[in-house]
């Protein structure tokens, strides 16, 4: 089973630790500039991060939908294995993921291309267990001839497998980030309107 998206862990941790509610009519005069400034910085950061996640998720889903109509070519696997990557979540814990890692070559209109994308999003998500990643990589031993889907408008873009992984989770993470950004924006405006003491 594939692992939960790292972005959602990250956003969830930040959601739990940021922007504590404050119910007061005044604010410390020395702290006020930092609270307002911090609110603006947090708002910009989370809004930008949210847009990044959403746009990336939409792209994954869009490409996955288009792949069905892309032409195919014969590709040759030139390297195949598994890469271990360590992600750090919002609580500071390391989470190891195993990614099928390979390269393949294919030729379009006499031009040789080299690529490494198996499926949209797989390199971002991977597997929790190394055996799962190795089982996936085993489908593509070195020297194997396999069909590859390529973008007719840009033949440097290619995928071994149709579909996508994690696009919806990226969109959900993006929406959470946007919510945090809007919350930080409201916090900054609200704090700016408090009387300093």
C-alpha atoms as a PDB file:
ATOM      1  CA  UNK A   1       0.000   0.000   0.000  1.00  0.00           C
ATOM      2  CA  UNK A   2       1.345   3.421  -0.844  1.00  0.00           C
ATOM      3  CA  UNK A   3       2.155   5.827   1.957  1.00  0.00           C
ATOM      4  CA  UNK A   4       0.173   8.971   2.829  1.00  0.00           C
ATOM      5  CA  UNK A   5       1.387  12.080   1.080  1.00  0.00           C
ATOM      6  CA  UNK A   6       4.241  13.788   2.935  1.00  0.00           C
ATOM      7  CA  UNK A   7       2.714  17.186   2.185  1.00  0.00           C
ATOM      8  CA  UNK A   8      -0.396  16.373   4.212  1.00  0.00           C
ATOM      9  CA  UNK A   9       1.733  15.361   7.226  1.00  0.00           C
ATOM     10  CA  UNK A  10       3.629  18.621   6.872  1.00  0.00           C
ATOM     11  CA  UNK A  11       0.526  20.802   6.594  1.00  0.00           C
ATOM     12  CA  UNK A  12      -1.303  18.965   9.355  1.00  0.00           C
ATOM     13  CA  UNK A  13       1.582  19.488  11.773  1.00  0.00           C
ATOM     14  CA  UNK A  14       1.766  23.175  10.972  1.00  0.00           C
ATOM     15  CA  UNK A  15      -1.997  23.512  11.344  1.00  0.00           C
ATOM     16  CA  UNK A  16      -1.793  22.061  14.833  1.00  0.00           C
ATOM     17  CA  UNK A  17       1.023  24.324  15.979  1.00  0.00           C
ATOM     18  CA  UNK A  18       0.338  27.678  14.327  1.00  0.00           C
ATOM     19  CA  UNK A  19      -2.002  30.621  14.824  1.00  0.00           C
ATOM     20  CA  UNK A  20      -3.313  29.955  18.299  1.00  0.00           C
ATOM     21  CA  UNK A  21      -6.515  31.859  18.930  1.00  0.00           C
ATOM     22  CA  UNK A  22      -6.187  35.022  20.997  1.00  0.00           C
ATOM     23  CA  UNK A  23      -9.158  36.621  22.686  1.00  0.00           C
ATOM     24  CA  UNK A  24      -8.084  40.039  23.870  1.00  0.00           C
ATOM     25  CA  UNK A  25      -8.869  43.685  23.236  1.00  0.00           C
ATOM     26  CA  UNK A  26      -5.293  44.867  23.603  1.00  0.00           C
ATOM     27  CA  UNK A  27      -1.835  43.668  22.733  1.00  0.00           C
ATOM     28  CA  UNK A  28       1.624  44.360  24.116  1.00  0.00           C
ATOM     29  CA  UNK A  29       3.057  47.364  22.275  1.00  0.00           C
ATOM     30  CA  UNK A  30       6.463  45.723  21.857  1.00  0.00           C
ATOM     31  CA  UNK A  31       5.009  42.471  20.599  1.00  0.00           C
ATOM     32  CA  UNK A  32       2.460  43.980  18.221  1.00  0.00           C
ATOM     33  CA  UNK A  33       4.836  44.625  15.254  1.00  0.00           C
ATOM     34  CA  UNK A  34       6.129  41.057  15.491  1.00  0.00           C
ATOM     35  CA  UNK A  35       2.632  39.592  15.639  1.00  0.00           C
ATOM     36  CA  UNK A  36       1.427  41.644  12.687  1.00  0.00           C
ATOM     37  CA  UNK A  37       4.594  41.035  10.677  1.00  0.00           C
ATOM     38  CA  UNK A  38       4.579  37.359  11.530  1.00  0.00           C
ATOM     39  CA  UNK A  39       0.965  37.097  10.447  1.00  0.00           C
ATOM     40  CA  UNK A  40       1.762  38.641   7.071  1.00  0.00           C
ATOM     41  CA  UNK A  41       4.786  36.402   6.558  1.00  0.00           C
ATOM     42  CA  UNK A  42       2.775  33.307   7.489  1.00  0.00           C
ATOM     43  CA  UNK A  43      -0.057  34.392   5.187  1.00  0.00           C
ATOM     44  CA  UNK A  44       2.261  34.857   2.201  1.00  0.00           C
ATOM     45  CA  UNK A  45       4.096  31.603   2.910  1.00  0.00           C
ATOM     46  CA  UNK A  46       0.994  29.429   3.267  1.00  0.00           C
ATOM     47  CA  UNK A  47      -0.859  31.030   0.354  1.00  0.00           C
ATOM     48  CA  UNK A  48       2.148  30.493  -1.928  1.00  0.00           C
ATOM     49  CA  UNK A  49       2.627  26.922  -0.678  1.00  0.00           C
ATOM     50  CA  UNK A  50      -1.068  26.201  -1.131  1.00  0.00           C
ATOM     51  CA  UNK A  51      -1.049  27.449  -4.714  1.00  0.00           C
ATOM     52  CA  UNK A  52       2.075  25.392  -5.425  1.00  0.00           C
ATOM     53  CA  UNK A  53       0.481  22.180  -4.130  1.00  0.00           C
ATOM     54  CA  UNK A  54      -2.821  22.803  -5.905  1.00  0.00           C
ATOM     55  CA  UNK A  55      -1.212  23.613  -9.256  1.00  0.00           C
ATOM     56  CA  UNK A  56       1.039  20.567  -8.992  1.00  0.00           C
ATOM     57  CA  UNK A  57      -1.882  18.309  -8.113  1.00  0.00           C
ATOM     58  CA  UNK A  58      -3.929  19.670 -11.004  1.00  0.00           C
ATOM     59  CA  UNK A  59      -0.986  19.102 -13.358  1.00  0.00           C
ATOM     60  CA  UNK A  60      -0.627  15.494 -12.210  1.00  0.00           C
ATOM     61  CA  UNK A  61      -4.302  14.829 -12.837  1.00  0.00           C
ATOM     62  CA  UNK A  62      -4.271  16.664 -16.171  1.00  0.00           C
ATOM     63  CA  UNK A  63      -1.249  14.781 -17.509  1.00  0.00           C
ATOM     64  CA  UNK A  64      -2.701  11.472 -16.292  1.00  0.00           C
ATOM     65  CA  UNK A  65      -5.875  12.215 -18.236  1.00  0.00           C
ATOM     66  CA  UNK A  66      -3.959  13.176 -21.391  1.00  0.00           C
ATOM     67  CA  UNK A  67      -1.704  10.106 -21.373  1.00  0.00           C
ATOM     68  CA  UNK A  68      -4.552   7.923 -22.647  1.00  0.00           C
ATOM     69  CA  UNK A  69      -4.399   9.741 -25.988  1.00  0.00           C
ATOM     70  CA  UNK A  70      -0.594   9.965 -26.245  1.00  0.00           C
ATOM     71  CA  UNK A  71       1.250   7.815 -28.800  1.00  0.00           C
ATOM     72  CA  UNK A  72       3.696   5.168 -27.634  1.00  0.00           C
ATOM     73  CA  UNK A  73       7.221   4.230 -28.629  1.00  0.00           C
ATOM     74  CA  UNK A  74       9.582   1.408 -27.719  1.00  0.00           C
ATOM     75  CA  UNK A  75      11.895   2.236 -24.844  1.00  0.00           C
ATOM     76  CA  UNK A  76      14.892   0.345 -23.462  1.00  0.00           C
ATOM     77  CA  UNK A  77      15.574   0.259 -19.722  1.00  0.00           C
ATOM     78  CA  UNK A  78      19.194   1.275 -19.092  1.00  0.00           C
ATOM     79  CA  UNK A  79      19.168   1.341 -15.270  1.00  0.00           C
ATOM     80  CA  UNK A  80      16.784  -0.076 -12.691  1.00  0.00           C
ATOM     81  CA  UNK A  81      16.781  -0.063  -8.918  1.00  0.00           C
ATOM     82  CA  UNK A  82      15.341   1.520  -5.797  1.00  0.00           C
ATOM     83  CA  UNK A  83      16.303   4.806  -4.160  1.00  0.00           C
ATOM     84  CA  UNK A  84      15.687   5.527  -0.477  1.00  0.00           C
ATOM     85  CA  UNK A  85      14.723   9.076   0.389  1.00  0.00           C
ATOM     86  CA  UNK A  86      14.241  10.601   3.814  1.00  0.00           C
ATOM     87  CA  UNK A  87      11.531  13.218   4.303  1.00  0.00           C
ATOM     88  CA  UNK A  88      11.169  15.308   7.454  1.00  0.00           C
ATOM     89  CA  UNK A  89       7.621  15.922   8.626  1.00  0.00           C
ATOM     90  CA  UNK A  90       6.319  18.966  10.534  1.00  0.00           C
ATOM     91  CA  UNK A  91       7.125  17.372  13.909  1.00  0.00           C
ATOM     92  CA  UNK A  92      10.736  16.864  12.904  1.00  0.00           C
ATOM     93  CA  UNK A  93      10.536  13.085  12.480  1.00  0.00           C
ATOM     94  CA  UNK A  94      12.288  11.414   9.585  1.00  0.00           C
ATOM     95  CA  UNK A  95      10.124   9.296   7.295  1.00  0.00           C
ATOM     96  CA  UNK A  96      11.887   7.022   4.825  1.00  0.00           C
ATOM     97  CA  UNK A  97      10.286   6.301   1.482  1.00  0.00           C
ATOM     98  CA  UNK A  98      11.461   3.920  -1.223  1.00  0.00           C
ATOM     99  CA  UNK A  99      11.222   5.080  -4.829  1.00  0.00           C
ATOM    100  CA  UNK A 100      11.545   2.836  -7.907  1.00  0.00           C
ATOM    101  CA  UNK A 101      14.492   4.453  -9.676  1.00  0.00           C
ATOM    102  CA  UNK A 102      15.258   3.798 -13.317  1.00  0.00           C
ATOM    103  CA  UNK A 103      16.212   5.377 -16.602  1.00  0.00           C
ATOM    104  CA  UNK A 104      15.107   4.479 -20.088  1.00  0.00           C
ATOM    105  CA  UNK A 105      15.865   5.617 -23.616  1.00  0.00           C
ATOM    106  CA  UNK A 106      13.551   5.911 -26.600  1.00  0.00           C
ATOM    107  CA  UNK A 107      13.697   7.388 -30.061  1.00  0.00           C
ATOM    108  CA  UNK A 108      11.186   9.736 -31.684  1.00  0.00           C
ATOM    109  CA  UNK A 109      11.669  10.840 -35.315  1.00  0.00           C
ATOM    110  CA  UNK A 110      15.318   9.808 -35.181  1.00  0.00           C
ATOM    111  CA  UNK A 111      16.010  11.778 -31.983  1.00  0.00           C
ATOM    112  CA  UNK A 112      17.152   9.823 -28.912  1.00  0.00           C
ATOM    113  CA  UNK A 113      15.612  10.808 -25.576  1.00  0.00           C
ATOM    114  CA  UNK A 114      16.375   9.692 -22.048  1.00  0.00           C
ATOM    115  CA  UNK A 115      13.879   9.874 -19.191  1.00  0.00           C
ATOM    116  CA  UNK A 116      13.221   8.522 -15.710  1.00  0.00           C
ATOM    117  CA  UNK A 117       9.514   9.147 -15.033  1.00  0.00           C
ATOM    118  CA  UNK A 118       7.549   5.975 -14.360  1.00  0.00           C
ATOM    119  CA  UNK A 119       4.204   7.469 -13.362  1.00  0.00           C
ATOM    120  CA  UNK A 120       3.157  11.009 -12.467  1.00  0.00           C
ATOM    121  CA  UNK A 121       3.711  11.605  -8.754  1.00  0.00           C
ATOM    122  CA  UNK A 122       5.345   8.267  -7.960  1.00  0.00           C
ATOM    123  CA  UNK A 123       8.743   9.880  -7.369  1.00  0.00           C
ATOM    124  CA  UNK A 124       7.168  12.231  -4.808  1.00  0.00           C
ATOM    125  CA  UNK A 125       5.301   9.561  -2.886  1.00  0.00           C
ATOM    126  CA  UNK A 126       7.051   6.222  -3.259  1.00  0.00           C
ATOM    127  CA  UNK A 127       6.444   3.273  -0.964  1.00  0.00           C
ATOM    128  CA  UNK A 128       6.734   2.714   2.758  1.00  0.00           C
ATOM    129  CA  UNK A 129       8.286  -0.715   2.309  1.00  0.00           C
ATOM    130  CA  UNK A 130      11.387  -1.382   0.261  1.00  0.00           C
ATOM    131  CA  UNK A 131       9.945  -4.702  -0.922  1.00  0.00           C
ATOM    132  CA  UNK A 132       7.035  -2.857  -2.536  1.00  0.00           C
ATOM    133  CA  UNK A 133       9.376  -0.548  -4.425  1.00  0.00           C
ATOM    134  CA  UNK A 134      11.571  -3.458  -5.515  1.00  0.00           C
ATOM    135  CA  UNK A 135       8.530  -5.349  -6.746  1.00  0.00           C
ATOM    136  CA  UNK A 136       7.556  -2.338  -8.858  1.00  0.00           C
ATOM    137  CA  UNK A 137      11.108  -1.871 -10.182  1.00  0.00           C
ATOM    138  CA  UNK A 138      11.279  -5.570 -11.056  1.00  0.00           C
ATOM    139  CA  UNK A 139       8.769  -4.934 -13.846  1.00  0.00           C
ATOM    140  CA  UNK A 140      11.536  -3.051 -15.630  1.00  0.00           C
ATOM    141  CA  UNK A 141      14.804  -5.038 -15.627  1.00  0.00           C
ATOM    142  CA  UNK A 142      17.840  -3.572 -17.385  1.00  0.00           C
ATOM    143  CA  UNK A 143      17.698  -4.228 -21.104  1.00  0.00           C
ATOM    144  CA  UNK A 144      13.927  -4.766 -21.199  1.00  0.00           C
ATOM    145  CA  UNK A 145      12.009  -3.289 -24.138  1.00  0.00           C
ATOM    146  CA  UNK A 146       8.848  -1.596 -22.913  1.00  0.00           C
ATOM    147  CA  UNK A 147       6.305   0.797 -24.401  1.00  0.00           C
ATOM    148  CA  UNK A 148       6.550   4.417 -23.292  1.00  0.00           C
ATOM    149  CA  UNK A 149       3.846   7.063 -23.616  1.00  0.00           C
ATOM    150  CA  UNK A 150       5.206  10.381 -24.879  1.00  0.00           C
ATOM    151  CA  UNK A 151       3.709  13.834 -25.318  1.00  0.00           C
ATOM    152  CA  UNK A 152       3.298  14.446 -29.073  1.00  0.00           C
ATOM    153  CA  UNK A 153       3.765  18.176 -28.496  1.00  0.00           C
ATOM    154  CA  UNK A 154       6.995  17.651 -26.528  1.00  0.00           C
ATOM    155  CA  UNK A 155       8.584  14.229 -26.949  1.00  0.00           C
ATOM    156  CA  UNK A 156      10.993  14.836 -24.042  1.00  0.00           C
ATOM    157  CA  UNK A 157       7.995  14.287 -21.722  1.00  0.00           C
ATOM    158  CA  UNK A 158       7.297  10.587 -21.318  1.00  0.00           C
ATOM    159  CA  UNK A 159       5.771   8.097 -18.884  1.00  0.00           C
ATOM    160  CA  UNK A 160       6.075   4.350 -18.594  1.00  0.00           C
ATOM    161  CA  UNK A 161       2.693   4.019 -16.881  1.00  0.00           C
ATOM    162  CA  UNK A 162      -0.575   5.888 -17.291  1.00  0.00           C
ATOM    163  CA  UNK A 163      -2.356   7.348 -14.281  1.00  0.00           C
ATOM    164  CA  UNK A 164      -1.008   9.398 -11.419  1.00  0.00           C
ATOM    165  CA  UNK A 165      -0.180   9.116  -7.738  1.00  0.00           C
ATOM    166  CA  UNK A 166      -0.901  11.748  -5.088  1.00  0.00           C
ATOM    167  CA  UNK A 167      -2.546  14.434  -7.212  1.00  0.00           C
ATOM    168  CA  UNK A 168      -5.674  14.552  -5.053  1.00  0.00           C
ATOM    169  CA  UNK A 169      -3.609  14.600  -1.853  1.00  0.00           C
ATOM    170  CA  UNK A 170      -1.585  17.520  -3.164  1.00  0.00           C
ATOM    171  CA  UNK A 171      -4.782  19.419  -3.889  1.00  0.00           C
ATOM    172  CA  UNK A 172      -6.091  18.676  -0.380  1.00  0.00           C
ATOM    173  CA  UNK A 173      -2.776  19.785   1.125  1.00  0.00           C
ATOM    174  CA  UNK A 174      -2.961  22.942  -0.981  1.00  0.00           C
ATOM    175  CA  UNK A 175      -6.464  23.747   0.240  1.00  0.00           C
ATOM    176  CA  UNK A 176      -5.315  23.289   3.856  1.00  0.00           C
ATOM    177  CA  UNK A 177      -2.396  25.635   3.216  1.00  0.00           C
ATOM    178  CA  UNK A 178      -4.709  28.216   1.655  1.00  0.00           C
ATOM    179  CA  UNK A 179      -6.944  27.993   4.727  1.00  0.00           C
ATOM    180  CA  UNK A 180      -3.920  28.556   6.974  1.00  0.00           C
ATOM    181  CA  UNK A 181      -2.824  31.467   4.803  1.00  0.00           C
ATOM    182  CA  UNK A 182      -6.249  33.093   5.014  1.00  0.00           C
ATOM    183  CA  UNK A 183      -6.267  32.498   8.771  1.00  0.00           C
ATOM    184  CA  UNK A 184      -2.869  34.167   9.083  1.00  0.00           C
ATOM    185  CA  UNK A 185      -4.098  37.069   6.953  1.00  0.00           C
ATOM    186  CA  UNK A 186      -7.130  37.567   9.227  1.00  0.00           C
ATOM    187  CA  UNK A 187      -4.887  37.240  12.286  1.00  0.00           C
ATOM    188  CA  UNK A 188      -2.542  39.958  10.990  1.00  0.00           C
ATOM    189  CA  UNK A 189      -5.419  42.330  10.199  1.00  0.00           C
ATOM    190  CA  UNK A 190      -7.110  41.637  13.523  1.00  0.00           C
ATOM    191  CA  UNK A 191      -3.888  42.112  15.515  1.00  0.00           C
ATOM    192  CA  UNK A 192      -3.143  45.363  13.668  1.00  0.00           C
ATOM    193  CA  UNK A 193      -6.497  46.712  14.839  1.00  0.00           C
ATOM    194  CA  UNK A 194      -5.896  45.971  18.536  1.00  0.00           C
ATOM    195  CA  UNK A 195      -4.938  48.732  20.927  1.00  0.00           C
ATOM    196  CA  UNK A 196      -1.326  48.576  22.049  1.00  0.00           C
ATOM    197  CA  UNK A 197      -0.551  48.839  25.753  1.00  0.00           C
END
